[in-house]
mmCIF file of all heavy atoms, coordinates in Angstrom:
data_MODEL
# 
_entry.id   MODEL 
# 
loop_
_atom_site.group_PDB 
_atom_site.id 
_atom_site.type_symbol 
_atom_site.label_atom_id 
_atom_site.label_alt_id 
_atom_site.label_comp_id 
_atom_site.label_asym_id 
_atom_site.label_entity_id 
_atom_site.label_seq_id 
_atom_site.pdbx_PDB_ins_code 
_atom_site.Cartn_x 
_atom_site.Cartn_y 
_atom_site.Cartn_z 
_atom_site.occupancy 
_atom_site.B_iso_or_equiv 
_atom_site.pdbx_formal_charge 
_atom_site.auth_seq_id 
_atom_site.auth_comp_id 
_atom_site.auth_asym_id 
_atom_site.auth_atom_id 
_atom_site.pdbx_PDB_model_num 
ATOM 1   N N   . SER A 1 1  ? -71.208 -49.905 6.397  1.00 0.00 ? 1  SER A N   1 
ATOM 2   C CA  . SER A 1 1  ? -69.928 -50.504 6.778  1.00 0.00 ? 1  SER A CA  1 
ATOM 3   C C   . SER A 1 1  ? -69.368 -49.683 7.868  1.00 0.00 ? 1  SER A C   1 
ATOM 4   O O   . SER A 1 1  ? -69.005 -48.526 7.735  1.00 0.00 ? 1  SER A O   1 
ATOM 5   C CB  . SER A 1 1  ? -68.963 -50.471 5.537  1.00 0.00 ? 1  SER A CB  1 
ATOM 6   O OG  . SER A 1 1  ? -67.710 -50.916 5.953  1.00 0.00 ? 1  SER A OG  1 
ATOM 7   N N   . THR A 1 2  ? -69.282 -50.260 9.081  1.00 0.00 ? 2  THR A N   1 
ATOM 8   C CA  . THR A 1 2  ? -68.796 -49.542 10.246 1.00 0.00 ? 2  THR A CA  1 
ATOM 9   C C   . THR A 1 2  ? -67.769 -50.372 11.030 1.00 0.00 ? 2  THR A C   1 
ATOM 10  O O   . THR A 1 2  ? -67.745 -51.605 10.905 1.00 0.00 ? 2  THR A O   1 
ATOM 11  C CB  . THR A 1 2  ? -69.943 -49.155 11.213 1.00 0.00 ? 2  THR A CB  1 
ATOM 12  O OG1 . THR A 1 2  ? -70.563 -50.375 11.621 1.00 0.00 ? 2  THR A OG1 1 
ATOM 13  C CG2 . THR A 1 2  ? -70.932 -48.283 10.523 1.00 0.00 ? 2  THR A CG2 1 
ATOM 14  N N   . GLU A 1 3  ? -66.939 -49.695 11.785 1.00 0.00 ? 3  GLU A N   1 
ATOM 15  C CA  . GLU A 1 3  ? -65.957 -50.374 12.652 1.00 0.00 ? 3  GLU A CA  1 
ATOM 16  C C   . GLU A 1 3  ? -66.673 -50.834 13.883 1.00 0.00 ? 3  GLU A C   1 
ATOM 17  O O   . GLU A 1 3  ? -67.741 -50.281 14.301 1.00 0.00 ? 3  GLU A O   1 
ATOM 18  C CB  . GLU A 1 3  ? -64.832 -49.425 13.016 1.00 0.00 ? 3  GLU A CB  1 
ATOM 19  C CG  . GLU A 1 3  ? -63.990 -48.967 11.836 1.00 0.00 ? 3  GLU A CG  1 
ATOM 20  C CD  . GLU A 1 3  ? -62.884 -48.047 12.240 1.00 0.00 ? 3  GLU A CD  1 
ATOM 21  O OE1 . GLU A 1 3  ? -62.728 -47.770 13.451 1.00 0.00 ? 3  GLU A OE1 1 
ATOM 22  O OE2 . GLU A 1 3  ? -62.154 -47.567 11.378 1.00 0.00 ? 3  GLU A OE2 1 
ATOM 23  N N   . PRO A 1 4  ? -66.145 -51.873 14.600 1.00 0.00 ? 4  PRO A N   1 
ATOM 24  C CA  . PRO A 1 4  ? -66.800 -52.369 15.786 1.00 0.00 ? 4  PRO A CA  1 
ATOM 25  C C   . PRO A 1 4  ? -66.933 -51.276 16.875 1.00 0.00 ? 4  PRO A C   1 
ATOM 26  O O   . PRO A 1 4  ? -67.901 -51.326 17.655 1.00 0.00 ? 4  PRO A O   1 
ATOM 27  C CB  . PRO A 1 4  ? -65.832 -53.445 16.267 1.00 0.00 ? 4  PRO A CB  1 
ATOM 28  C CG  . PRO A 1 4  ? -65.117 -53.915 15.032 1.00 0.00 ? 4  PRO A CG  1 
ATOM 29  C CD  . PRO A 1 4  ? -64.988 -52.710 14.194 1.00 0.00 ? 4  PRO A CD  1 
ATOM 30  N N   . ASP A 1 5  ? -66.046 -50.309 16.948 1.00 0.00 ? 5  ASP A N   1 
ATOM 31  C CA  . ASP A 1 5  ? -66.063 -49.282 17.925 1.00 0.00 ? 5  ASP A CA  1 
ATOM 32  C C   . ASP A 1 5  ? -66.583 -47.957 17.325 1.00 0.00 ? 5  ASP A C   1 
ATOM 33  O O   . ASP A 1 5  ? -66.196 -46.863 17.742 1.00 0.00 ? 5  ASP A O   1 
ATOM 34  C CB  . ASP A 1 5  ? -64.730 -49.057 18.609 1.00 0.00 ? 5  ASP A CB  1 
ATOM 35  C CG  . ASP A 1 5  ? -63.634 -48.687 17.596 1.00 0.00 ? 5  ASP A CG  1 
ATOM 36  O OD1 . ASP A 1 5  ? -63.851 -48.853 16.382 1.00 0.00 ? 5  ASP A OD1 1 
ATOM 37  O OD2 . ASP A 1 5  ? -62.579 -48.253 18.049 1.00 0.00 ? 5  ASP A OD2 1 
ATOM 38  N N   . ALA A 1 6  ? -67.464 -48.043 16.362 1.00 0.00 ? 6  ALA A N   1 
ATOM 39  C CA  . ALA A 1 6  ? -67.966 -46.826 15.674 1.00 0.00 ? 6  ALA A CA  1 
ATOM 40  C C   . ALA A 1 6  ? -68.687 -45.891 16.683 1.00 0.00 ? 6  ALA A C   1 
ATOM 41  O O   . ALA A 1 6  ? -69.220 -46.347 17.710 1.00 0.00 ? 6  ALA A O   1 
ATOM 42  C CB  . ALA A 1 6  ? -68.945 -47.184 14.587 1.00 0.00 ? 6  ALA A CB  1 
ATOM 43  N N   . LEU A 1 7  ? -68.589 -44.587 16.427 1.00 0.00 ? 7  LEU A N   1 
ATOM 44  C CA  . LEU A 1 7  ? -69.162 -43.608 17.352 1.00 0.00 ? 7  LEU A CA  1 
ATOM 45  C C   . LEU A 1 7  ? -70.650 -43.668 17.417 1.00 0.00 ? 7  LEU A C   1 
ATOM 46  O O   . LEU A 1 7  ? -71.281 -43.285 18.405 1.00 0.00 ? 7  LEU A O   1 
ATOM 47  C CB  . LEU A 1 7  ? -68.709 -42.213 16.906 1.00 0.00 ? 7  LEU A CB  1 
ATOM 48  C CG  . LEU A 1 7  ? -67.266 -41.871 17.049 1.00 0.00 ? 7  LEU A CG  1 
ATOM 49  C CD1 . LEU A 1 7  ? -66.969 -40.477 16.545 1.00 0.00 ? 7  LEU A CD1 1 
ATOM 50  C CD2 . LEU A 1 7  ? -66.831 -41.944 18.521 1.00 0.00 ? 7  LEU A CD2 1 
ATOM 51  N N   . ARG A 1 8  ? -71.343 -44.120 16.288 1.00 0.00 ? 8  ARG A N   1 
ATOM 52  C CA  . ARG A 1 8  ? -72.768 -44.144 16.279 1.00 0.00 ? 8  ARG A CA  1 
ATOM 53  C C   . ARG A 1 8  ? -73.284 -45.118 15.234 1.00 0.00 ? 8  ARG A C   1 
ATOM 54  O O   . ARG A 1 8  ? -72.563 -45.397 14.259 1.00 0.00 ? 8  ARG A O   1 
ATOM 55  C CB  . ARG A 1 8  ? -73.279 -42.716 15.989 1.00 0.00 ? 8  ARG A CB  1 
ATOM 56  C CG  . ARG A 1 8  ? -72.862 -42.209 14.625 1.00 0.00 ? 8  ARG A CG  1 
ATOM 57  C CD  . ARG A 1 8  ? -73.307 -40.781 14.424 1.00 0.00 ? 8  ARG A CD  1 
ATOM 58  N NE  . ARG A 1 8  ? -72.622 -39.870 15.320 1.00 0.00 ? 8  ARG A NE  1 
ATOM 59  C CZ  . ARG A 1 8  ? -71.440 -39.290 15.039 1.00 0.00 ? 8  ARG A CZ  1 
ATOM 60  N NH1 . ARG A 1 8  ? -70.839 -39.545 13.908 1.00 0.00 ? 8  ARG A NH1 1 
ATOM 61  N NH2 . ARG A 1 8  ? -70.876 -38.478 15.894 1.00 0.00 ? 8  ARG A NH2 1 
ATOM 62  N N   . PRO A 1 9  ? -74.526 -45.549 15.384 1.00 0.00 ? 9  PRO A N   1 
ATOM 63  C CA  . PRO A 1 9  ? -75.094 -46.392 14.315 1.00 0.00 ? 9  PRO A CA  1 
ATOM 64  C C   . PRO A 1 9  ? -75.394 -45.558 13.094 1.00 0.00 ? 9  PRO A C   1 
ATOM 65  O O   . PRO A 1 9  ? -75.688 -44.397 13.178 1.00 0.00 ? 9  PRO A O   1 
ATOM 66  C CB  . PRO A 1 9  ? -76.394 -46.947 14.958 1.00 0.00 ? 9  PRO A CB  1 
ATOM 67  C CG  . PRO A 1 9  ? -76.742 -45.925 15.965 1.00 0.00 ? 9  PRO A CG  1 
ATOM 68  C CD  . PRO A 1 9  ? -75.450 -45.403 16.534 1.00 0.00 ? 9  PRO A CD  1 
ATOM 69  N N   . LEU A 1 10 ? -75.367 -46.207 11.933 1.00 0.00 ? 10 LEU A N   1 
ATOM 70  C CA  . LEU A 1 10 ? -75.613 -45.561 10.656 1.00 0.00 ? 10 LEU A CA  1 
ATOM 71  C C   . LEU A 1 10 ? -76.968 -45.920 10.064 1.00 0.00 ? 10 LEU A C   1 
ATOM 72  O O   . LEU A 1 10 ? -77.364 -45.335 8.992  1.00 0.00 ? 10 LEU A O   1 
ATOM 73  C CB  . LEU A 1 10 ? -74.535 -45.853 9.660  1.00 0.00 ? 10 LEU A CB  1 
ATOM 74  C CG  . LEU A 1 10 ? -73.089 -45.498 10.058 1.00 0.00 ? 10 LEU A CG  1 
ATOM 75  C CD1 . LEU A 1 10 ? -72.120 -45.865 8.971  1.00 0.00 ? 10 LEU A CD1 1 
ATOM 76  C CD2 . LEU A 1 10 ? -72.978 -44.008 10.423 1.00 0.00 ? 10 LEU A CD2 1 
ATOM 77  N N   . LEU A 1 11 ? -77.688 -46.799 10.706 1.00 0.00 ? 11 LEU A N   1 
ATOM 78  C CA  . LEU A 1 11 ? -78.995 -47.251 10.213 1.00 0.00 ? 11 LEU A CA  1 
ATOM 79  C C   . LEU A 1 11 ? -80.024 -47.191 11.330 1.00 0.00 ? 11 LEU A C   1 
ATOM 80  O O   . LEU A 1 11 ? -79.641 -47.407 12.537 1.00 0.00 ? 11 LEU A O   1 
ATOM 81  C CB  . LEU A 1 11 ? -78.937 -48.662 9.651  1.00 0.00 ? 11 LEU A CB  1 
ATOM 82  C CG  . LEU A 1 11 ? -77.954 -48.921 8.507  1.00 0.00 ? 11 LEU A CG  1 
ATOM 83  C CD1 . LEU A 1 11 ? -77.949 -50.420 8.184  1.00 0.00 ? 11 LEU A CD1 1 
ATOM 84  C CD2 . LEU A 1 11 ? -78.337 -48.113 7.266  1.00 0.00 ? 11 LEU A CD2 1 
ATOM 85  N N   . ALA A 1 12 ? -81.279 -46.891 11.023 1.00 0.00 ? 12 ALA A N   1 
ATOM 86  C CA  . ALA A 1 12 ? -82.319 -46.933 12.066 1.00 0.00 ? 12 ALA A CA  1 
ATOM 87  C C   . ALA A 1 12 ? -83.667 -47.255 11.383 1.00 0.00 ? 12 ALA A C   1 
ATOM 88  O O   . ALA A 1 12 ? -83.844 -47.006 10.196 1.00 0.00 ? 12 ALA A O   1 
ATOM 89  C CB  . ALA A 1 12 ? -82.405 -45.561 12.765 1.00 0.00 ? 12 ALA A CB  1 
ATOM 90  N N   . ARG A 1 13 ? -84.584 -47.798 12.225 1.00 0.00 ? 13 ARG A N   1 
ATOM 91  C CA  . ARG A 1 13 ? -85.905 -48.145 11.680 1.00 0.00 ? 13 ARG A CA  1 
ATOM 92  C C   . ARG A 1 13 ? -86.974 -47.764 12.739 1.00 0.00 ? 13 ARG A C   1 
ATOM 93  O O   . ARG A 1 13 ? -86.749 -47.964 13.975 1.00 0.00 ? 13 ARG A O   1 
ATOM 94  C CB  . ARG A 1 13 ? -85.963 -49.599 11.373 1.00 0.00 ? 13 ARG A CB  1 
ATOM 95  C CG  . ARG A 1 13 ? -87.273 -50.035 10.722 1.00 0.00 ? 13 ARG A CG  1 
ATOM 96  C CD  . ARG A 1 13 ? -87.155 -51.421 10.083 1.00 0.00 ? 13 ARG A CD  1 
ATOM 97  N NE  . ARG A 1 13 ? -88.177 -51.641 9.110  1.00 0.00 ? 13 ARG A NE  1 
ATOM 98  C CZ  . ARG A 1 13 ? -88.102 -52.540 8.124  1.00 0.00 ? 13 ARG A CZ  1 
ATOM 99  N NH1 . ARG A 1 13 ? -87.002 -53.236 8.019  1.00 0.00 ? 13 ARG A NH1 1 
ATOM 100 N NH2 . ARG A 1 13 ? -89.063 -52.662 7.270  1.00 0.00 ? 13 ARG A NH2 1 
ATOM 101 N N   . ARG A 1 14 ? -88.073 -47.215 12.299 1.00 0.00 ? 14 ARG A N   1 
ATOM 102 C CA  . ARG A 1 14 ? -89.172 -46.891 13.160 1.00 0.00 ? 14 ARG A CA  1 
ATOM 103 C C   . ARG A 1 14 ? -90.441 -47.185 12.399 1.00 0.00 ? 14 ARG A C   1 
ATOM 104 O O   . ARG A 1 14 ? -90.893 -46.314 11.622 1.00 0.00 ? 14 ARG A O   1 
ATOM 105 C CB  . ARG A 1 14 ? -89.085 -45.430 13.599 1.00 0.00 ? 14 ARG A CB  1 
ATOM 106 C CG  . ARG A 1 14 ? -90.153 -44.983 14.589 1.00 0.00 ? 14 ARG A CG  1 
ATOM 107 C CD  . ARG A 1 14 ? -90.035 -43.483 14.891 1.00 0.00 ? 14 ARG A CD  1 
ATOM 108 N NE  . ARG A 1 14 ? -90.980 -43.001 15.825 1.00 0.00 ? 14 ARG A NE  1 
ATOM 109 C CZ  . ARG A 1 14 ? -90.760 -42.913 17.144 1.00 0.00 ? 14 ARG A CZ  1 
ATOM 110 N NH1 . ARG A 1 14 ? -89.560 -43.263 17.621 1.00 0.00 ? 14 ARG A NH1 1 
ATOM 111 N NH2 . ARG A 1 14 ? -91.703 -42.451 17.997 1.00 0.00 ? 14 ARG A NH2 1 
ATOM 112 N N   . GLY A 1 15 ? -91.014 -48.341 12.529 1.00 0.00 ? 15 GLY A N   1 
ATOM 113 C CA  . GLY A 1 15 ? -92.181 -48.748 11.766 1.00 0.00 ? 15 GLY A CA  1 
ATOM 114 C C   . GLY A 1 15 ? -91.881 -48.736 10.298 1.00 0.00 ? 15 GLY A C   1 
ATOM 115 O O   . GLY A 1 15 ? -90.921 -49.457 9.822  1.00 0.00 ? 15 GLY A O   1 
ATOM 116 N N   . ALA A 1 16 ? -92.630 -47.983 9.512  1.00 0.00 ? 16 ALA A N   1 
ATOM 117 C CA  . ALA A 1 16 ? -92.419 -47.933 8.070  1.00 0.00 ? 16 ALA A CA  1 
ATOM 118 C C   . ALA A 1 16 ? -91.333 -46.921 7.703  1.00 0.00 ? 16 ALA A C   1 
ATOM 119 O O   . ALA A 1 16 ? -91.120 -46.743 6.482  1.00 0.00 ? 16 ALA A O   1 
ATOM 120 C CB  . ALA A 1 16 ? -93.716 -47.595 7.366  1.00 0.00 ? 16 ALA A CB  1 
ATOM 121 N N   . LEU A 1 17 ? -90.732 -46.258 8.639  1.00 0.00 ? 17 LEU A N   1 
ATOM 122 C CA  . LEU A 1 17 ? -89.680 -45.303 8.358  1.00 0.00 ? 17 LEU A CA  1 
ATOM 123 C C   . LEU A 1 17 ? -88.306 -45.931 8.540  1.00 0.00 ? 17 LEU A C   1 
ATOM 124 O O   . LEU A 1 17 ? -88.026 -46.631 9.521  1.00 0.00 ? 17 LEU A O   1 
ATOM 125 C CB  . LEU A 1 17 ? -89.767 -44.126 9.335  1.00 0.00 ? 17 LEU A CB  1 
ATOM 126 C CG  . LEU A 1 17 ? -91.062 -43.244 9.243  1.00 0.00 ? 17 LEU A CG  1 
ATOM 127 C CD1 . LEU A 1 17 ? -91.018 -42.175 10.332 1.00 0.00 ? 17 LEU A CD1 1 
ATOM 128 C CD2 . LEU A 1 17 ? -91.175 -42.615 7.852  1.00 0.00 ? 17 LEU A CD2 1 
ATOM 129 N N   . LEU A 1 18 ? -87.432 -45.771 7.530  1.00 0.00 ? 18 LEU A N   1 
ATOM 130 C CA  . LEU A 1 18 ? -86.055 -46.233 7.584  1.00 0.00 ? 18 LEU A CA  1 
ATOM 131 C C   . LEU A 1 18 ? -85.115 -45.091 7.350  1.00 0.00 ? 18 LEU A C   1 
ATOM 132 O O   . LEU A 1 18 ? -85.423 -44.169 6.568  1.00 0.00 ? 18 LEU A O   1 
ATOM 133 C CB  . LEU A 1 18 ? -85.836 -47.346 6.502  1.00 0.00 ? 18 LEU A CB  1 
ATOM 134 C CG  . LEU A 1 18 ? -86.364 -48.754 6.778  1.00 0.00 ? 18 LEU A CG  1 
ATOM 135 C CD1 . LEU A 1 18 ? -87.880 -48.747 6.504  1.00 0.00 ? 18 LEU A CD1 1 
ATOM 136 C CD2 . LEU A 1 18 ? -85.699 -49.732 5.858  1.00 0.00 ? 18 LEU A CD2 1 
ATOM 137 N N   . ALA A 1 19 ? -83.999 -45.085 8.027  1.00 0.00 ? 19 ALA A N   1 
ATOM 138 C CA  . ALA A 1 19 ? -83.006 -44.060 7.844  1.00 0.00 ? 19 ALA A CA  1 
ATOM 139 C C   . ALA A 1 19 ? -81.612 -44.643 7.702  1.00 0.00 ? 19 ALA A C   1 
ATOM 140 O O   . ALA A 1 19 ? -81.307 -45.657 8.369  1.00 0.00 ? 19 ALA A O   1 
ATOM 141 C CB  . ALA A 1 19 ? -83.064 -43.109 9.047  1.00 0.00 ? 19 ALA A CB  1 
ATOM 142 N N   . ALA A 1 20 ? -80.810 -44.025 6.849  1.00 0.00 ? 20 ALA A N   1 
ATOM 143 C CA  . ALA A 1 20 ? -79.423 -44.439 6.674  1.00 0.00 ? 20 ALA A CA  1 
ATOM 144 C C   . ALA A 1 20 ? -78.612 -43.193 6.544  1.00 0.00 ? 20 ALA A C   1 
ATOM 145 O O   . ALA A 1 20 ? -78.966 -42.291 5.791  1.00 0.00 ? 20 ALA A O   1 
ATOM 146 C CB  . ALA A 1 20 ? -79.293 -45.338 5.414  1.00 0.00 ? 20 ALA A CB  1 
ATOM 147 N N   . GLY A 1 21 ? -77.503 -43.122 7.247  1.00 0.00 ? 21 GLY A N   1 
ATOM 148 C CA  . GLY A 1 21 ? -76.615 -41.971 7.149  1.00 0.00 ? 21 GLY A CA  1 
ATOM 149 C C   . GLY A 1 21 ? -75.839 -41.749 8.451  1.00 0.00 ? 21 GLY A C   1 
ATOM 150 O O   . GLY A 1 21 ? -75.966 -42.438 9.425  1.00 0.00 ? 21 GLY A O   1 
ATOM 151 N N   . ASP A 1 22 ? -75.005 -40.725 8.382  1.00 0.00 ? 22 ASP A N   1 
ATOM 152 C CA  . ASP A 1 22 ? -74.174 -40.333 9.518  1.00 0.00 ? 22 ASP A CA  1 
ATOM 153 C C   . ASP A 1 22 ? -74.691 -38.979 10.044 1.00 0.00 ? 22 ASP A C   1 
ATOM 154 O O   . ASP A 1 22 ? -74.699 -37.980 9.362  1.00 0.00 ? 22 ASP A O   1 
ATOM 155 C CB  . ASP A 1 22 ? -72.715 -40.170 9.025  1.00 0.00 ? 22 ASP A CB  1 
ATOM 156 C CG  . ASP A 1 22 ? -71.740 -40.165 10.185 1.00 0.00 ? 22 ASP A CG  1 
ATOM 157 O OD1 . ASP A 1 22 ? -72.204 -40.184 11.350 1.00 0.00 ? 22 ASP A OD1 1 
ATOM 158 O OD2 . ASP A 1 22 ? -70.510 -40.076 9.902  1.00 0.00 ? 22 ASP A OD2 1 
ATOM 159 N N   . VAL A 1 23 ? -75.148 -39.002 11.304 1.00 0.00 ? 23 VAL A N   1 
ATOM 160 C CA  . VAL A 1 23 ? -75.797 -37.836 11.908 1.00 0.00 ? 23 VAL A CA  1 
ATOM 161 C C   . VAL A 1 23 ? -75.143 -37.514 13.250 1.00 0.00 ? 23 VAL A C   1 
ATOM 162 O O   . VAL A 1 23 ? -75.166 -38.337 14.148 1.00 0.00 ? 23 VAL A O   1 
ATOM 163 C CB  . VAL A 1 23 ? -77.304 -38.028 12.121 1.00 0.00 ? 23 VAL A CB  1 
ATOM 164 C CG1 . VAL A 1 23 ? -77.964 -36.799 12.690 1.00 0.00 ? 23 VAL A CG1 1 
ATOM 165 C CG2 . VAL A 1 23 ? -77.984 -38.399 10.768 1.00 0.00 ? 23 VAL A CG2 1 
ATOM 166 N N   . ARG A 1 24 ? -74.647 -36.289 13.390 1.00 0.00 ? 24 ARG A N   1 
ATOM 167 C CA  . ARG A 1 24 ? -74.172 -35.770 14.653 1.00 0.00 ? 24 ARG A CA  1 
ATOM 168 C C   . ARG A 1 24 ? -74.876 -34.420 14.858 1.00 0.00 ? 24 ARG A C   1 
ATOM 169 O O   . ARG A 1 24 ? -74.619 -33.474 14.157 1.00 0.00 ? 24 ARG A O   1 
ATOM 170 C CB  . ARG A 1 24 ? -72.661 -35.553 14.677 1.00 0.00 ? 24 ARG A CB  1 
ATOM 171 C CG  . ARG A 1 24 ? -72.126 -35.148 16.041 1.00 0.00 ? 24 ARG A CG  1 
ATOM 172 C CD  . ARG A 1 24 ? -70.788 -34.497 16.007 1.00 0.00 ? 24 ARG A CD  1 
ATOM 173 N NE  . ARG A 1 24 ? -70.829 -33.228 15.252 1.00 0.00 ? 24 ARG A NE  1 
ATOM 174 C CZ  . ARG A 1 24 ? -71.305 -32.079 15.731 1.00 0.00 ? 24 ARG A CZ  1 
ATOM 175 N NH1 . ARG A 1 24 ? -71.812 -32.050 16.977 1.00 0.00 ? 24 ARG A NH1 1 
ATOM 176 N NH2 . ARG A 1 24 ? -71.316 -31.003 14.976 1.00 0.00 ? 24 ARG A NH2 1 
# 
């Protein structure tokens, strides 16, 4: 759940790898 102007995406995918979280 993110705002339209969020600083960064919270989800990512790379082939069979999935990531969820807040990373700076």
